[in-house]
């Protein structure tokens, strides 16, 4: 039995079966956006050598991408609520491809390419802001049944994580051929996704709303006044999960190379192990939770507790087999929690404001991604014990927020509230 048959894609009467290729097409976006950023991480030492730049300068190649996305994601969410999801996604993918092309061309042709590479990466961040965050509300708009939404969101998070699994391996392989090839691969990936979205994803019903900016701000105020407690908790938890994940990967990458001498594809394969566990957990969680908000709450809670417990245990040893096993279990917890948070938002927020709210969530996740590696790099200067304490402490803060602030019976009432005003 195939993966999609297990997701009920094989049932002729199922809406999920009818839209399986649309889901696959939408899932290409997080895969490509993740590859576009994460596959540069193992290549940074080579980029430093080729461009004759410092480690701080090379880190900016990663950082500017996330920083631009953080600030533009809410704007993209508003535009998608007002004008439609596809109208925002397709141009954004094109911009991301242009950014990759500019960075690759500069690295190939210019003697002093660093500034032009940063400009290309900024364009990629602009494209990412308008593409990846809009995926969540688009999936929510595509289906009538909540359990179909949950199953599809599991596929989306799986695709996102698969990108993280493939990134260190693919980045090392491409850079081994030509050091700037990872940049030039972005326009190819982006064009592929554009074609899939254009031809295989139909515009959802009610995808266009006459939403003025004043009314948009009024609706935001109303939503947060009524549901601010649990929404804020979900946003903070999402940021913490990404902070822990990317901090954990940065630490593991450093230990594998500096202490054990693994680099290149070997290191990429080892880093892929906990990410593969996360990938499987995301897929399984999305399938299991269906439309049950109660399952979403408790699976996310226990997943976060598992993540935090493994972070606390990590201080016991620095043997790489032990660390990979511990971080794999932590990845299991993160993978279980992420689809639950996605589904809580998409199933509890009215369609007219879904793009905006899920985009704010994506911004907080990008903030965690941007802050994790540099924060862990600083903490490692004071010893791994402090790093573990911070990661474990943040994990248990997230668990407490999940336990106290997320109330499934209250979230369910959201669907009964008045429709946000559009005029």
Foldseek 3Di string as FASTA:
>chain_A
DDPVVLLVLPDPPDLCVVQVLVLVLLLLQLLLLLLLQQLCVQLLVVVCVLQVHDPVLSLLLRQLLLVLLLVCLLVLLLCQLAANLLVQLLVLLVQLLVLLVQLLCLSVPPNNRSVSNSVSSNSNSSSSSNHLLSSLLLLLLSDDFLLSSLLSLLSSVLSNLVSNLCSNQVSLVQCVVPVSRSSNVSNVSSVVSSVSCVPRPDGGPPRHFLADPVLLVVLVVVCCVQQVLLLVLLLLLLLLLLLLLLLLLLVLLCCCCVPVNDGGNRSSNLSSQLSNLLSVLSNVLSNPCRNPLVSLLVLLLVLLVQLLVLLLVVVVDSDSVSSSVSSSSNSNSSSNNVSSSSSLLSVLADSSSSSSSSSNSVSSNSNSNSPRNVVSVVVVVVPVVSVSVVSSVSSVVSSVSSVPRDDRVSSVCSVVDDDRDRD
